Structures are given as structure tokens and as C-alpha cells.
Amino acid sequence: MGEIDPAFIQEIEHRPKLSPTEAEGIPLIDLSALNAHNYFPSNPSSLESLVAEIGDACKNWGFFQVINHGVPPETRRKLESASRKFFAQPTEEKRKVRRDEVNPQGYYDTELTKNVRDWKEVFDLTVKNPTVVPASPEPGDEEVKELVNRWPEYPPEFREASEEYAKEMEKLAHKLLELISLSLGLSADRLSGFFNDHTSFIRLNHYPPCPLPDLALGVGRHKDGGALTVLAQDDVGGLEVKRKSDGEWIRVKPTPHAFIINVGDIIQVWSNDKYESVEHRVVVNSEKERFSIPFFFNPDHYVMVEPLKELITDQNPAKYRAYNWGKFFATRKRSNFKKLNVENLQIYHFRINGESS
């Protein structure tokens, strides 16, 4: 029996079960109907059917898997290989590209989720290099700063593999955004204008074996604050999602070459709660290391996030006050570094007539 630093230990009610509930019925959506040169197929019925599948998955699950998505397997394989090589280095080498509060790009191994340390190490990089974000979370501060990627010397192919993968993720995320927009009864490009100077980023995750996997989590329970998350996970598995129907934590079994898509908080607000961001976490094990690569699709920092006017009626009034994405993002980033005495900022803090309006 090993020991772990108490900073990693979850409260009793949040500790994982060692015999997980395997997920059944998680939507697996085939995107092959989307023409490679034109997002949408010439056959209207196949598009309608795809849009309906996406809508049902967003409404009933908050996440789904996609296959035949158009991302070349080699592009994914190259970044997965570079990620493994990078994390296999000694800690002092990785810390040469360590991130900090001024520039949260690069390597980090002491991240907090809900004020508990995660059993993982990460490498973050922005998709647009540089990416413009608010200089501080303070509401009155209008100053902005540029986030610039830090690139490790080893492996030498790291930067090229990352940038190639980022381009493919952007293409896939835009396709998914258009399908989600159509599923809400809106035009395909209704949401696209929020992503001209987007603040998206890619994270490389490495979860080493943990001697006490029943006490710690790779990532504690949380919801993603952005619009969409596109996740590549290896064959080890460990992602658990809180099932909406009964609140049970269920394990998402890896599907070869598939991506897992999460509805984020922003889509929950835009849809005025028709679609709900799903709570999820990552469990670890004592034998195998695990790797994953989430792509967080986030809008421009100056976007004010609020329910879309086309979805607001007298019978279905707006459930959220508008909030600025950049400030929300800056506040959440700060809590990854510091153990705060208050709960991390959540969308329900902007709910009208809600718990914390």
C-alpha cells in the first residue's frame, strides 16, 4: 500500500468507486454524411437525421462520441506520440517550459480542481498564437494581454504536431457548432461569429499510475466553462460522466479513433438550458498511465454570453444575465493555480432568480 500527499485526497462523498458502472447507450454519432469539401451533404434527409441525433444527444446526455469525423488518424497519432515523449522526460526538463500566472501556457503539475489537487501533469497551448485575453479578472480592468505558446526543445516534432492537430480540431469544432446551431432551430452559421478571435486551447494530459486510486482523482468533478470540448483519449479509459437521468457516475469506454464531445457551459446559456453542460471527472488506476488530449473550443474574449434572443419567449424567458467570456475565463484560470476560499465561478452565479443571481 502506497501513500499520497493529503492535497490529492478527495472528500469522502467525491471519492471514486473502484467497480465503475459501464456506460450504456452513450450516443455514437457517425459524421460521414458530412461531405469533406462542403460541411453539409446534398441529401437533406441525411442532414436532418444527423441534426436530430446531435440534438437528442445534447439534450439527453450533454455529451456524445463521433466517428468518421474527418480528422486524419496520422495527425492524432503524431501528437499522441509527441505527448508521450515529452512527459517521459525528467521533471526538471519539463519544468523548463513551466507555465505561470502571467502566461498560463506550458507545463504544469500542481493544478487544482475545486481546491483539490489533481493526480496529473499537463501541457497547455493556445490554438491562436498569440491569443488575446483580459489582463486580469477584475471587472473594471479593460487591459488585455497576449498569451504566447512555450515550446519544449524535446521532442523536436512537438510544435509541428501540435499546430497540425489544432487546425483539424478547429475544422471539426466548427462543423459540430453548425450542427448544434441547426439542432436549436437556428441557421447553421448563427454561432460562428462568436469565434473570430477565439480563445481555444489544447491540453495534453498525463495521468501517472496512482498508489491509492480510491482516494484521488485525475481531475475532480467539474463542468467545462467553454462552448465545446473535443476529447481524444487513449485505450486505458478513466473518463466518468454524471448521468443526467439518475446522477450516477458512469465510465465512458474508449472507442477506437472516436472523439468524445462535451457540451460546455456557454452552449447551456446560449440554449437557455435546453442543452445542459455535463459534470465529469477522471479516475486513475494503480497500474497503467493514461494520456488524453482535450481541445477546448472557446469564443472571443470580448463576447458577452447570454441566451440567444431567438430562443427567448414569454413562456421561456431568459434564465441568465449576460456575462463577459474573457473575464469568466480569467477568473477560472486563476483558481487553477491558487487554493481559493470561495467556490470557483460558475454559470449559475449569473442565473436570473436563481441560487446566486
Protein backbone atom coordinates (compact mmCIF):
# COMPACT_ATOMS: atom_id res chain seq x y z
CA MET A 1 0.00 0.00 0.00
CA GLY A 2 1.46 3.34 -1.02
CA GLU A 3 0.98 6.82 0.33
CA ILE A 4 -0.06 10.05 -1.32
CA ASP A 5 0.13 13.70 -0.35
CA PRO A 6 -3.06 14.73 1.52
CA ALA A 7 -3.51 17.57 -1.02
CA PHE A 8 -4.71 14.93 -3.52
CA ILE A 9 -7.29 13.31 -1.24
CA GLN A 10 -10.92 13.89 -2.17
CA GLU A 11 -13.72 14.39 0.36
CA ILE A 12 -15.41 11.05 1.09
CA GLU A 13 -18.54 11.85 -0.96
CA HIS A 14 -16.44 12.59 -4.05
CA ARG A 15 -14.16 9.56 -3.99
CA PRO A 16 -14.48 7.19 -6.96
CA LYS A 17 -15.94 3.70 -6.89
CA LEU A 18 -13.38 1.06 -7.84
CA SER A 19 -16.05 -1.01 -9.62
CA PRO A 20 -17.41 1.53 -12.11
CA THR A 21 -20.76 1.49 -13.86
CA GLU A 22 -20.00 0.98 -17.56
CA ALA A 23 -21.96 3.40 -19.70
CA GLU A 24 -24.62 2.01 -21.99
CA GLY A 25 -26.44 3.91 -24.67
CA ILE A 26 -23.97 6.78 -24.96
CA PRO A 27 -24.68 8.30 -28.37
CA LEU A 28 -22.12 7.29 -31.01
CA ILE A 29 -22.70 9.57 -33.99
CA ASP A 30 -21.38 8.89 -37.48
CA LEU A 31 -20.39 12.13 -39.23
CA SER A 32 -19.62 10.52 -42.60
CA ALA A 33 -22.72 12.21 -44.08
CA LEU A 34 -20.76 15.48 -43.95
CA ASN A 35 -19.04 15.94 -47.28
CA ALA A 36 -15.30 16.55 -46.94
CA HIS A 37 -15.40 19.63 -49.18
CA ASN A 38 -18.70 21.03 -48.07
CA TYR A 39 -19.89 20.79 -44.48
CA PHE A 40 -23.34 19.63 -45.39
CA PRO A 41 -24.49 16.72 -47.53
CA SER A 42 -26.55 17.15 -50.66
CA ASN A 43 -29.19 14.78 -49.30
CA PRO A 44 -31.41 16.87 -46.96
CA SER A 45 -32.83 13.82 -45.15
CA SER A 46 -29.39 12.60 -44.07
CA LEU A 47 -28.62 16.08 -42.72
CA GLU A 48 -31.96 16.24 -40.87
CA SER A 49 -31.31 12.85 -39.33
CA LEU A 50 -27.78 13.87 -38.23
CA VAL A 51 -29.03 17.16 -36.75
CA ALA A 52 -31.76 15.28 -34.84
CA GLU A 53 -29.17 12.83 -33.44
CA ILE A 54 -26.95 15.71 -32.30
CA GLY A 55 -29.91 17.50 -30.70
CA ASP A 56 -31.06 14.39 -28.82
CA ALA A 57 -27.53 13.72 -27.55
CA CYS A 58 -27.07 17.33 -26.35
CA LYS A 59 -30.47 17.33 -24.64
CA ASN A 60 -30.45 13.89 -23.04
CA TRP A 61 -26.75 13.32 -22.32
CA GLY A 62 -24.79 16.56 -22.68
CA PHE A 63 -22.08 14.61 -24.46
CA PHE A 64 -21.60 12.11 -27.29
CA GLN A 65 -18.93 10.36 -29.33
CA VAL A 66 -18.24 10.96 -33.03
CA ILE A 67 -16.72 8.63 -35.63
CA ASN A 68 -15.90 9.20 -39.32
CA HIS A 69 -15.22 12.78 -38.29
CA GLY A 70 -12.66 13.61 -40.98
CA VAL A 71 -9.64 14.10 -38.68
CA PRO A 72 -6.74 12.13 -40.21
CA PRO A 73 -5.64 9.31 -37.83
CA GLU A 74 -2.00 10.21 -38.50
CA THR A 75 -2.50 13.78 -37.22
CA ARG A 76 -3.81 12.44 -33.92
CA ARG A 77 -1.16 9.71 -33.70
CA LYS A 78 1.68 12.22 -34.18
CA LEU A 79 0.53 14.43 -31.30
CA GLU A 80 -0.16 11.45 -29.03
CA SER A 81 3.38 10.21 -29.72
CA ALA A 82 4.94 13.66 -29.09
CA SER A 83 2.95 13.96 -25.85
CA ARG A 84 4.24 10.61 -24.55
CA LYS A 85 7.84 11.57 -25.38
CA PHE A 86 7.50 14.95 -23.66
CA PHE A 87 6.01 13.56 -20.43
CA ALA A 88 8.59 10.73 -20.29
CA GLN A 89 11.35 13.29 -19.66
CA PRO A 90 12.72 14.06 -16.18
CA THR A 91 10.70 16.64 -14.24
CA GLU A 92 13.48 19.24 -14.38
CA GLU A 93 13.40 19.13 -18.20
CA LYS A 94 9.62 19.57 -18.31
CA ARG A 95 9.79 22.46 -15.86
CA LYS A 96 11.94 24.45 -18.29
CA VAL A 97 8.64 25.24 -20.06
CA ARG A 98 6.61 25.60 -16.87
CA ARG A 99 3.55 27.82 -17.03
CA ASP A 100 2.78 30.59 -14.54
CA GLU A 101 0.04 33.10 -13.73
CA VAL A 102 1.43 35.63 -16.20
CA ASN A 103 1.45 33.17 -19.11
CA PRO A 104 -0.57 30.02 -18.39
CA GLN A 105 0.87 28.15 -21.40
CA GLY A 106 3.22 25.23 -20.98
CA TYR A 107 3.87 22.53 -18.39
CA TYR A 108 2.18 22.27 -15.01
CA ASP A 109 1.91 19.52 -12.39
CA THR A 110 0.10 21.10 -9.43
CA GLU A 111 -3.31 22.00 -10.85
CA LEU A 112 -6.34 22.29 -8.58
CA THR A 113 -9.97 21.42 -9.39
CA LYS A 114 -12.44 22.64 -6.77
CA ASN A 115 -9.47 23.34 -4.49
CA VAL A 116 -8.21 19.72 -4.50
CA ARG A 117 -5.01 18.80 -6.33
CA ASP A 118 -5.40 16.67 -9.48
CA TRP A 119 -3.35 13.49 -9.98
CA LYS A 120 -1.92 14.54 -13.35
CA GLU A 121 0.56 16.67 -15.22
CA VAL A 122 -0.43 18.83 -18.19
CA PHE A 123 0.89 20.89 -21.07
CA ASP A 124 -1.33 23.74 -22.34
CA LEU A 125 -1.09 25.53 -25.67
CA THR A 126 -3.34 28.04 -27.38
CA VAL A 127 -4.72 27.42 -30.85
CA LYS A 128 -4.23 31.02 -32.00
CA ASN A 129 -0.64 32.03 -31.23
CA PRO A 130 -0.76 34.61 -29.75
CA THR A 131 -4.22 34.58 -28.15
CA VAL A 132 -5.66 37.83 -26.74
CA VAL A 133 -7.32 37.63 -23.31
CA PRO A 134 -8.09 40.05 -20.46
CA ALA A 135 -5.04 41.02 -18.39
CA SER A 136 -6.96 40.41 -15.15
CA PRO A 137 -10.31 39.05 -13.93
CA GLU A 138 -11.23 42.44 -12.43
CA PRO A 139 -14.46 43.80 -14.00
CA GLY A 140 -13.25 47.38 -14.50
CA ASP A 141 -9.86 46.47 -15.97
CA GLU A 142 -10.06 46.69 -19.77
CA GLU A 143 -6.40 45.92 -20.39
CA VAL A 144 -5.65 42.84 -22.49
CA LYS A 145 -2.56 40.66 -22.83
CA GLU A 146 -1.25 38.21 -25.39
CA LEU A 147 -0.74 34.57 -24.48
CA VAL A 148 2.18 33.09 -26.39
CA ASN A 149 2.91 29.39 -26.59
CA ARG A 150 6.01 27.97 -24.96
CA TRP A 151 7.56 25.16 -27.00
CA PRO A 152 9.79 22.48 -25.49
CA GLU A 153 13.08 21.59 -27.17
CA TYR A 154 12.18 17.91 -26.98
CA PRO A 155 10.68 16.21 -28.82
CA PRO A 156 11.63 18.33 -31.87
CA GLU A 157 8.39 17.46 -33.68
CA PHE A 158 6.23 18.71 -30.78
CA ARG A 159 5.35 22.12 -32.24
CA GLU A 160 4.52 20.90 -35.73
CA ALA A 161 2.40 18.03 -34.40
CA SER A 162 0.52 20.43 -32.09
CA GLU A 163 -0.19 23.03 -34.76
CA GLU A 164 -1.33 20.44 -37.29
CA TYR A 165 -3.69 18.89 -34.73
CA ALA A 166 -5.04 22.32 -33.74
CA LYS A 167 -6.06 23.05 -37.34
CA GLU A 168 -8.00 19.78 -37.56
CA MET A 169 -9.71 20.44 -34.21
CA GLU A 170 -10.82 23.89 -35.38
CA LYS A 171 -12.40 22.39 -38.51
CA LEU A 172 -14.19 19.66 -36.56
CA ALA A 173 -15.38 22.06 -33.83
CA HIS A 174 -16.86 24.44 -36.42
CA LYS A 175 -18.73 21.54 -38.07
CA LEU A 176 -20.13 20.46 -34.71
CA LEU A 177 -21.08 24.04 -33.82
CA GLU A 178 -23.06 24.34 -37.06
CA LEU A 179 -24.88 21.06 -36.38
CA ILE A 180 -25.71 22.16 -32.83
CA SER A 181 -26.96 25.51 -34.14
CA LEU A 182 -29.24 23.74 -36.65
CA SER A 183 -30.49 21.42 -33.89
CA LEU A 184 -31.64 24.50 -31.94
CA GLY A 185 -33.68 25.62 -34.96
CA LEU A 186 -31.18 28.35 -35.87
CA SER A 187 -29.20 28.97 -39.05
CA ALA A 188 -26.02 26.91 -39.41
CA ASP A 189 -23.77 29.95 -39.00
CA ARG A 190 -25.65 31.57 -36.10
CA LEU A 191 -22.87 30.85 -33.56
CA SER A 192 -19.84 31.10 -35.86
CA GLY A 193 -19.42 34.87 -35.42
CA PHE A 194 -18.53 34.41 -31.75
CA PHE A 195 -15.31 32.60 -32.74
CA ASN A 196 -13.44 35.07 -34.99
CA ASP A 197 -10.66 35.68 -32.43
CA HIS A 198 -11.37 32.61 -30.38
CA THR A 199 -9.53 31.77 -27.16
CA SER A 200 -9.48 27.99 -27.66
CA PHE A 201 -6.69 25.87 -26.25
CA ILE A 202 -5.38 22.32 -26.31
CA ARG A 203 -4.27 20.44 -23.24
CA LEU A 204 -2.06 17.38 -23.16
CA ASN A 205 -2.86 15.31 -20.07
CA HIS A 206 -0.72 12.61 -18.47
CA TYR A 207 -2.16 10.64 -15.56
CA PRO A 208 0.59 8.51 -13.93
CA PRO A 209 -0.37 5.34 -12.01
CA CYS A 210 -1.68 6.24 -8.55
CA PRO A 211 -0.96 4.06 -5.49
CA LEU A 212 -4.34 4.88 -3.92
CA PRO A 213 -6.80 5.36 -6.80
CA ASP A 214 -9.79 5.17 -4.45
CA LEU A 215 -8.77 8.41 -2.70
CA ALA A 216 -7.61 10.69 -5.53
CA LEU A 217 -8.91 11.78 -8.94
CA GLY A 218 -7.05 12.60 -12.14
CA VAL A 219 -9.41 15.55 -12.49
CA GLY A 220 -12.05 16.32 -9.88
CA ARG A 221 -15.72 16.74 -10.78
CA HIS A 222 -16.32 19.82 -12.91
CA LYS A 223 -18.14 21.26 -15.89
CA ASP A 224 -16.32 22.79 -18.84
CA GLY A 225 -16.74 26.57 -18.96
CA GLY A 226 -16.37 27.00 -22.73
CA ALA A 227 -18.61 26.13 -25.68
CA LEU A 228 -17.48 22.65 -26.72
CA THR A 229 -14.78 20.19 -25.70
CA VAL A 230 -13.41 17.66 -28.20
CA LEU A 231 -11.54 14.90 -26.36
CA ALA A 232 -9.14 12.27 -27.67
CA GLN A 233 -8.48 9.59 -25.06
CA ASP A 234 -6.24 6.53 -25.22
CA ASP A 235 -7.38 2.94 -24.70
CA VAL A 236 -6.86 2.95 -20.91
CA GLY A 237 -10.05 4.87 -20.11
CA GLY A 238 -10.91 6.78 -16.96
CA LEU A 239 -13.40 9.45 -18.01
CA GLU A 240 -16.59 9.33 -15.94
CA VAL A 241 -19.72 11.34 -16.64
CA LYS A 242 -22.58 12.08 -14.28
CA ARG A 243 -25.61 10.58 -15.99
CA LYS A 244 -28.44 13.10 -16.17
CA SER A 245 -31.23 10.55 -15.68
CA ASP A 246 -30.11 9.32 -12.24
CA GLY A 247 -26.96 11.20 -11.17
CA GLU A 248 -24.86 8.02 -11.34
CA TRP A 249 -21.17 8.30 -12.29
CA ILE A 250 -20.63 6.17 -15.39
CA ARG A 251 -17.38 5.20 -17.12
CA VAL A 252 -17.01 6.11 -20.80
CA LYS A 253 -15.42 3.15 -22.56
CA PRO A 254 -12.87 4.28 -25.18
CA THR A 255 -13.98 3.78 -28.79
CA PRO A 256 -11.02 3.48 -31.21
CA HIS A 257 -10.46 6.65 -33.31
CA ALA A 258 -13.57 8.35 -31.85
CA PHE A 259 -13.67 11.78 -30.23
CA ILE A 260 -15.80 12.50 -27.18
CA ILE A 261 -17.73 15.76 -27.44
CA ASN A 262 -18.84 17.68 -24.34
CA VAL A 263 -21.44 20.42 -24.33
CA GLY A 264 -19.90 23.28 -22.32
CA ASP A 265 -21.47 25.95 -20.11
CA ILE A 266 -21.65 28.51 -22.92
CA ILE A 267 -23.92 26.31 -25.03
CA GLN A 268 -26.07 25.74 -21.96
CA VAL A 269 -26.51 29.52 -21.61
CA TRP A 270 -26.95 30.18 -25.35
CA SER A 271 -29.63 27.46 -25.48
CA ASN A 272 -31.28 28.85 -22.31
CA ASP A 273 -30.93 25.45 -20.59
CA LYS A 274 -32.33 23.37 -23.47
CA TYR A 275 -28.89 21.72 -23.57
CA GLU A 276 -27.01 21.21 -20.34
CA SER A 277 -23.29 21.11 -19.66
CA VAL A 278 -22.42 17.76 -18.13
CA GLU A 279 -20.45 17.18 -14.94
CA HIS A 280 -17.50 14.84 -15.43
CA ARG A 281 -14.28 13.69 -13.78
CA VAL A 282 -11.29 11.44 -14.44
CA VAL A 283 -10.45 8.41 -12.31
CA VAL A 284 -6.94 6.96 -12.12
CA ASN A 285 -5.64 3.45 -11.57
CA SER A 286 -2.64 1.90 -9.82
CA GLU A 287 -1.20 0.05 -12.83
CA LYS A 288 -1.41 1.99 -16.07
CA GLU A 289 -0.59 5.53 -17.06
CA ARG A 290 -3.22 7.30 -19.17
CA PHE A 291 -2.99 10.04 -21.79
CA SER A 292 -5.69 12.28 -23.21
CA ILE A 293 -5.92 15.42 -25.35
CA PRO A 294 -8.90 17.76 -24.86
CA PHE A 295 -9.47 20.67 -27.24
CA PHE A 296 -11.47 23.45 -25.54
CA PHE A 297 -13.41 25.48 -28.12
CA ASN A 298 -13.87 28.93 -26.58
CA PRO A 299 -15.22 32.17 -28.11
CA ASP A 300 -13.55 35.58 -28.45
CA HIS A 301 -12.65 37.18 -25.11
CA TYR A 302 -14.96 40.17 -25.75
CA VAL A 303 -18.09 38.03 -26.34
CA MET A 304 -20.95 38.67 -23.92
CA VAL A 305 -22.53 35.28 -23.26
CA GLU A 306 -26.32 35.30 -22.85
CA PRO A 307 -29.35 33.29 -24.01
CA LEU A 308 -29.90 33.70 -27.75
CA LYS A 309 -32.80 36.06 -28.46
CA GLU A 310 -34.36 33.64 -30.97
CA LEU A 311 -34.84 31.11 -28.16
CA ILE A 312 -36.44 33.56 -25.71
CA THR A 313 -40.23 33.81 -25.48
CA ASP A 314 -42.76 34.98 -22.90
CA GLN A 315 -43.19 31.33 -21.92
CA ASN A 316 -39.44 30.73 -21.90
CA PRO A 317 -37.79 33.93 -20.59
CA ALA A 318 -34.01 34.33 -20.35
CA LYS A 319 -32.61 32.30 -17.47
CA TYR A 320 -29.18 34.05 -17.36
CA ARG A 321 -27.79 37.55 -17.19
CA ALA A 322 -25.12 38.36 -19.78
CA TYR A 323 -21.52 37.84 -18.70
CA ASN A 324 -18.19 38.51 -20.39
CA TRP A 325 -16.41 35.34 -21.52
CA GLY A 326 -12.89 36.77 -21.17
CA LYS A 327 -13.41 37.77 -17.53
CA PHE A 328 -15.06 34.42 -16.75
CA PHE A 329 -12.12 32.60 -18.36
CA ALA A 330 -9.54 34.71 -16.48
CA THR A 331 -11.25 34.03 -13.15
CA ARG A 332 -11.38 30.29 -13.77
CA LYS A 333 -7.72 30.20 -14.82
CA ARG A 334 -6.69 31.92 -11.58
CA SER A 335 -8.34 29.21 -9.47
CA ASN A 336 -6.26 26.53 -11.24
CA PHE A 337 -3.19 27.99 -9.52
CA LYS A 338 -4.46 29.17 -6.16
CA LYS A 339 -6.47 27.45 -3.48
CA LEU A 340 -9.27 29.95 -3.03
CA ASN A 341 -11.59 30.37 -0.07
CA VAL A 342 -14.59 30.71 -2.33
CA GLU A 343 -16.18 28.39 -4.86
CA ASN A 344 -14.93 28.75 -8.41
CA LEU A 345 -17.02 30.99 -10.67
CA GLN A 346 -19.94 29.05 -12.22
CA ILE A 347 -22.66 29.96 -14.70
CA TYR A 348 -25.32 29.62 -12.01
CA HIS A 349 -23.86 32.77 -10.44
CA PHE A 350 -25.43 34.56 -13.43
CA ARG A 351 -28.79 32.80 -13.20
CA ILE A 352 -31.81 35.12 -13.07
CA ASN A 353 -33.91 34.46 -9.96
CA GLY A 354 -31.59 31.56 -9.23
CA GLU A 355 -29.37 30.49 -6.38
CA SER A 356 -26.84 33.27 -6.78
CA SER A 357 -28.31 35.88 -9.12
